[in-house]
Structure formats: C-alpha cells, structure tokens
Amino acid sequence: MAIELPQKLSSDELHIKLSEYINHLINANFEKLLALLYRIDVSESKLKQLLQEHAGEDAGKIIATLIIERQQQKIELRKGNRPGADIPEMEKW
C-alpha cells in the first residue's frame, strides 16, 4: 500500500491520511515503518516517550504528528541555511 495524496490538502487531511498509512504499516509492515522513521530522522527517544505518555491512544496519529513536525523543522532549517540568506541585498552579486 502506497500513500496517495491529492494536489491540495489541508493540514488536517494530511494528518488523517498519514495516520491511516502509518497504522497500516504498524499492522502490515512494521520494518518499513521503522526504516521510514529512520530516514525521516524522527527522534526515537521522543517517539518512545510520547507513545508511553499516550498509551492506548492512536499510535498512527502520534507518529504522524512527529513526522510532520520533523519535516517542518527541516524546511525551516533549509530556509535559514540558503546561501546568501543573511547577506544584505546591496552586498549580493
């Protein structure tokens, strides 16, 4: 099962779709989920802590939230690390 997303998607819709996909992976291909979390660089300690704190809740939703947060962190990091990002306009060439 692959996750299919429409062109335009609200953040709530993204969270729901991602949660569903993660729950599918938990049940059908846990190794693939672990590889995905490793590749995205989701904090293992943070994940364990949240799953323990919210035992009995939908793990797919918790993991989806962590994935989205991590991807947003990466986007912000890339924005700040662009070449010339902090150079005044007059000094750029």
N, C-alpha and C. Protein backbone atom coordinates (compact mmCIF):
# COMPACT_ATOMS: atom_id res chain seq x y z
N MET A 1 0.84 -1.18 0.00
CA MET A 1 0.00 0.00 0.00
C MET A 1 0.88 1.24 0.00
N ALA A 2 0.65 2.11 -0.93
CA ALA A 2 1.36 3.39 -1.00
C ALA A 2 0.39 4.48 -0.58
N ILE A 3 0.94 5.54 -0.07
CA ILE A 3 0.09 6.65 0.33
C ILE A 3 -0.11 7.56 -0.88
N GLU A 4 -1.36 7.84 -1.19
CA GLU A 4 -1.68 8.72 -2.31
C GLU A 4 -2.31 9.98 -1.75
N LEU A 5 -1.77 11.12 -2.18
CA LEU A 5 -2.26 12.40 -1.69
C LEU A 5 -2.68 13.27 -2.85
N PRO A 6 -3.81 13.95 -2.71
CA PRO A 6 -4.23 14.88 -3.77
C PRO A 6 -3.31 16.10 -3.81
N GLN A 7 -3.42 16.86 -4.90
CA GLN A 7 -2.59 18.05 -5.07
C GLN A 7 -2.75 19.03 -3.92
N LYS A 8 -3.99 19.32 -3.57
CA LYS A 8 -4.27 20.27 -2.49
C LYS A 8 -4.83 19.49 -1.31
N LEU A 9 -4.25 19.77 -0.15
CA LEU A 9 -4.61 19.01 1.04
C LEU A 9 -4.44 19.92 2.25
N SER A 10 -5.45 19.96 3.10
CA SER A 10 -5.33 20.75 4.32
C SER A 10 -4.41 20.01 5.28
N SER A 11 -3.93 20.71 6.28
CA SER A 11 -3.04 20.06 7.26
C SER A 11 -3.78 18.96 8.02
N ASP A 12 -5.08 19.17 8.28
CA ASP A 12 -5.87 18.13 8.96
C ASP A 12 -6.02 16.89 8.08
N GLU A 13 -6.28 17.11 6.79
CA GLU A 13 -6.42 15.99 5.87
C GLU A 13 -5.10 15.23 5.73
N LEU A 14 -4.00 15.98 5.68
CA LEU A 14 -2.68 15.34 5.61
C LEU A 14 -2.45 14.48 6.84
N HIS A 15 -2.76 15.01 7.99
CA HIS A 15 -2.57 14.28 9.24
C HIS A 15 -3.39 12.99 9.25
N ILE A 16 -4.64 13.07 8.80
CA ILE A 16 -5.52 11.89 8.77
C ILE A 16 -4.97 10.83 7.81
N LYS A 17 -4.61 11.25 6.59
CA LYS A 17 -4.09 10.30 5.59
C LYS A 17 -2.80 9.65 6.08
N LEU A 18 -1.92 10.47 6.65
CA LEU A 18 -0.65 9.94 7.13
C LEU A 18 -0.87 8.99 8.30
N SER A 19 -1.77 9.33 9.19
CA SER A 19 -2.10 8.45 10.33
C SER A 19 -2.61 7.10 9.85
N GLU A 20 -3.48 7.12 8.86
CA GLU A 20 -4.03 5.88 8.31
C GLU A 20 -2.92 5.02 7.71
N TYR A 21 -2.03 5.65 6.96
CA TYR A 21 -0.93 4.93 6.33
C TYR A 21 0.00 4.33 7.40
N ILE A 22 0.29 5.11 8.42
CA ILE A 22 1.16 4.63 9.49
C ILE A 22 0.52 3.45 10.21
N ASN A 23 -0.77 3.54 10.49
CA ASN A 23 -1.46 2.42 11.13
C ASN A 23 -1.42 1.18 10.26
N HIS A 24 -1.53 1.37 8.96
CA HIS A 24 -1.39 0.24 8.03
C HIS A 24 0.00 -0.38 8.16
N LEU A 25 1.03 0.46 8.20
CA LEU A 25 2.39 -0.05 8.32
C LEU A 25 2.62 -0.75 9.66
N ILE A 26 2.04 -0.22 10.73
CA ILE A 26 2.17 -0.86 12.04
C ILE A 26 1.67 -2.29 11.97
N ASN A 27 0.56 -2.50 11.28
CA ASN A 27 -0.06 -3.83 11.20
C ASN A 27 0.52 -4.72 10.11
N ALA A 28 0.95 -4.13 9.00
CA ALA A 28 1.32 -4.94 7.85
C ALA A 28 2.82 -5.01 7.57
N ASN A 29 3.56 -3.95 7.92
CA ASN A 29 4.98 -3.90 7.55
C ASN A 29 5.73 -2.99 8.52
N PHE A 30 5.87 -3.47 9.75
CA PHE A 30 6.48 -2.67 10.81
C PHE A 30 7.93 -2.29 10.47
N GLU A 31 8.65 -3.18 9.81
CA GLU A 31 10.04 -2.89 9.43
C GLU A 31 10.11 -1.71 8.49
N LYS A 32 9.17 -1.62 7.57
CA LYS A 32 9.13 -0.49 6.64
C LYS A 32 8.87 0.81 7.40
N LEU A 33 8.01 0.77 8.39
CA LEU A 33 7.73 1.95 9.20
C LEU A 33 9.00 2.39 9.93
N LEU A 34 9.71 1.45 10.52
CA LEU A 34 10.95 1.79 11.22
C LEU A 34 11.98 2.42 10.28
N ALA A 35 12.10 1.85 9.08
CA ALA A 35 13.03 2.40 8.09
C ALA A 35 12.62 3.81 7.69
N LEU A 36 11.32 4.02 7.54
CA LEU A 36 10.81 5.35 7.18
C LEU A 36 11.10 6.37 8.27
N LEU A 37 10.86 5.99 9.52
CA LEU A 37 11.12 6.90 10.64
C LEU A 37 12.61 7.22 10.74
N TYR A 38 13.44 6.23 10.48
CA TYR A 38 14.88 6.45 10.49
C TYR A 38 15.29 7.41 9.37
N ARG A 39 14.74 7.19 8.20
CA ARG A 39 15.08 8.02 7.05
C ARG A 39 14.64 9.47 7.24
N ILE A 40 13.47 9.66 7.84
CA ILE A 40 12.95 11.00 8.09
C ILE A 40 13.68 11.64 9.26
N ASP A 41 14.30 10.82 10.09
CA ASP A 41 15.06 11.27 11.25
C ASP A 41 14.16 11.72 12.39
N VAL A 42 13.14 10.91 12.65
CA VAL A 42 12.25 11.16 13.79
C VAL A 42 13.00 10.70 15.05
N SER A 43 12.98 11.51 16.07
CA SER A 43 13.67 11.21 17.32
C SER A 43 13.07 9.95 17.97
N GLU A 44 13.91 8.93 18.10
CA GLU A 44 13.46 7.67 18.69
C GLU A 44 13.05 7.87 20.15
N SER A 45 13.85 8.64 20.89
CA SER A 45 13.54 8.85 22.30
C SER A 45 12.24 9.64 22.47
N LYS A 46 12.03 10.64 21.64
CA LYS A 46 10.80 11.42 21.70
C LYS A 46 9.59 10.56 21.35
N LEU A 47 9.75 9.71 20.34
CA LEU A 47 8.67 8.80 19.94
C LEU A 47 8.31 7.85 21.08
N LYS A 48 9.32 7.22 21.67
CA LYS A 48 9.07 6.30 22.78
C LYS A 48 8.37 7.00 23.93
N GLN A 49 8.84 8.20 24.26
CA GLN A 49 8.26 8.96 25.36
C GLN A 49 6.79 9.28 25.10
N LEU A 50 6.49 9.76 23.90
CA LEU A 50 5.11 10.11 23.58
C LEU A 50 4.20 8.88 23.55
N LEU A 51 4.69 7.79 23.02
CA LEU A 51 3.88 6.57 22.98
C LEU A 51 3.60 6.06 24.40
N GLN A 52 4.56 6.20 25.29
CA GLN A 52 4.35 5.79 26.68
C GLN A 52 3.37 6.73 27.39
N GLU A 53 3.53 8.03 27.16
CA GLU A 53 2.67 9.01 27.81
C GLU A 53 1.23 8.90 27.33
N HIS A 54 1.05 8.47 26.08
CA HIS A 54 -0.28 8.40 25.49
C HIS A 54 -0.66 6.97 25.15
N ALA A 55 -0.31 6.05 26.04
CA ALA A 55 -0.63 4.64 25.84
C ALA A 55 -2.15 4.48 25.68
N GLY A 56 -2.55 3.67 24.75
CA GLY A 56 -3.97 3.46 24.50
C GLY A 56 -4.54 4.38 23.44
N GLU A 57 -3.79 5.43 23.07
CA GLU A 57 -4.24 6.34 22.02
C GLU A 57 -3.75 5.83 20.67
N ASP A 58 -4.25 6.42 19.62
CA ASP A 58 -3.90 6.02 18.25
C ASP A 58 -2.43 6.33 17.97
N ALA A 59 -1.62 5.29 17.89
CA ALA A 59 -0.19 5.46 17.64
C ALA A 59 0.07 6.11 16.29
N GLY A 60 -0.78 5.81 15.30
CA GLY A 60 -0.63 6.41 13.98
C GLY A 60 -0.71 7.92 14.02
N LYS A 61 -1.61 8.44 14.83
CA LYS A 61 -1.76 9.90 14.96
C LYS A 61 -0.54 10.52 15.64
N ILE A 62 -0.05 9.85 16.65
CA ILE A 62 1.13 10.36 17.37
C ILE A 62 2.34 10.38 16.44
N ILE A 63 2.55 9.30 15.71
CA ILE A 63 3.70 9.20 14.80
C ILE A 63 3.54 10.20 13.65
N ALA A 64 2.33 10.35 13.13
CA ALA A 64 2.09 11.32 12.05
C ALA A 64 2.45 12.73 12.50
N THR A 65 2.08 13.07 13.72
CA THR A 65 2.40 14.39 14.25
C THR A 65 3.91 14.58 14.31
N LEU A 66 4.63 13.58 14.77
CA LEU A 66 6.09 13.68 14.84
C LEU A 66 6.72 13.82 13.45
N ILE A 67 6.21 13.08 12.49
CA ILE A 67 6.74 13.15 11.12
C ILE A 67 6.52 14.55 10.55
N ILE A 68 5.32 15.06 10.70
CA ILE A 68 5.00 16.40 10.17
C ILE A 68 5.87 17.45 10.84
N GLU A 69 6.01 17.36 12.17
CA GLU A 69 6.86 18.31 12.89
C GLU A 69 8.30 18.25 12.40
N ARG A 70 8.82 17.05 12.19
CA ARG A 70 10.20 16.89 11.74
C ARG A 70 10.39 17.47 10.35
N GLN A 71 9.45 17.22 9.47
CA GLN A 71 9.55 17.76 8.12
C GLN A 71 9.50 19.29 8.13
N GLN A 72 8.66 19.85 9.01
CA GLN A 72 8.59 21.31 9.12
C GLN A 72 9.91 21.88 9.65
N GLN A 73 10.53 21.17 10.59
CA GLN A 73 11.84 21.60 11.10
C GLN A 73 12.87 21.62 9.98
N LYS A 74 12.86 20.60 9.15
CA LYS A 74 13.81 20.53 8.04
C LYS A 74 13.60 21.69 7.06
N ILE A 75 12.35 22.01 6.78
CA ILE A 75 12.04 23.11 5.87
C ILE A 75 12.58 24.42 6.43
N GLU A 76 12.33 24.66 7.72
CA GLU A 76 12.81 25.89 8.35
C GLU A 76 14.33 25.95 8.37
N LEU A 77 14.98 24.82 8.63
CA LEU A 77 16.44 24.78 8.61
C LEU A 77 16.98 25.13 7.23
N ARG A 78 16.36 24.58 6.21
CA ARG A 78 16.82 24.84 4.84
C ARG A 78 16.62 26.30 4.47
N LYS A 79 15.55 26.90 4.92
CA LYS A 79 15.32 28.32 4.64
C LYS A 79 16.43 29.17 5.24
N GLY A 80 16.82 28.83 6.45
CA GLY A 80 17.84 29.60 7.14
C GLY A 80 19.25 29.33 6.65
N ASN A 81 19.46 28.22 5.97
CA ASN A 81 20.80 27.86 5.52
C ASN A 81 21.03 28.07 4.03
N ARG A 82 20.15 28.79 3.40
CA ARG A 82 20.35 29.07 1.97
C ARG A 82 21.55 29.99 1.80
N PRO A 83 22.34 29.74 0.78
CA PRO A 83 23.46 30.65 0.52
C PRO A 83 22.94 32.06 0.29
N GLY A 84 23.51 33.00 0.99
CA GLY A 84 23.11 34.39 0.82
C GLY A 84 21.87 34.77 1.59
N ALA A 85 21.37 33.89 2.44
CA ALA A 85 20.13 34.17 3.16
C ALA A 85 20.26 35.34 4.10
N ASP A 86 21.45 35.55 4.68
CA ASP A 86 21.61 36.63 5.63
C ASP A 86 22.51 37.75 5.12
N ILE A 87 22.73 37.78 3.82
CA ILE A 87 23.54 38.83 3.22
C ILE A 87 22.63 39.97 2.79
N PRO A 88 22.97 41.20 3.18
CA PRO A 88 22.15 42.35 2.75
C PRO A 88 22.05 42.42 1.23
N GLU A 89 20.92 42.85 0.75
CA GLU A 89 20.65 42.89 -0.70
C GLU A 89 21.73 43.65 -1.46
N MET A 90 22.24 44.75 -0.90
CA MET A 90 23.26 45.57 -1.59
C MET A 90 24.57 44.81 -1.78
N GLU A 91 24.83 43.83 -0.92
CA GLU A 91 26.10 43.13 -0.98
C GLU A 91 26.06 41.83 -1.77
N LYS A 92 24.86 41.47 -2.25
CA LYS A 92 24.74 40.24 -3.06
C LYS A 92 25.21 40.51 -4.47
N TRP A 93 25.82 39.50 -5.12
CA TRP A 93 26.23 39.65 -6.51
C TRP A 93 25.82 38.51 -7.32
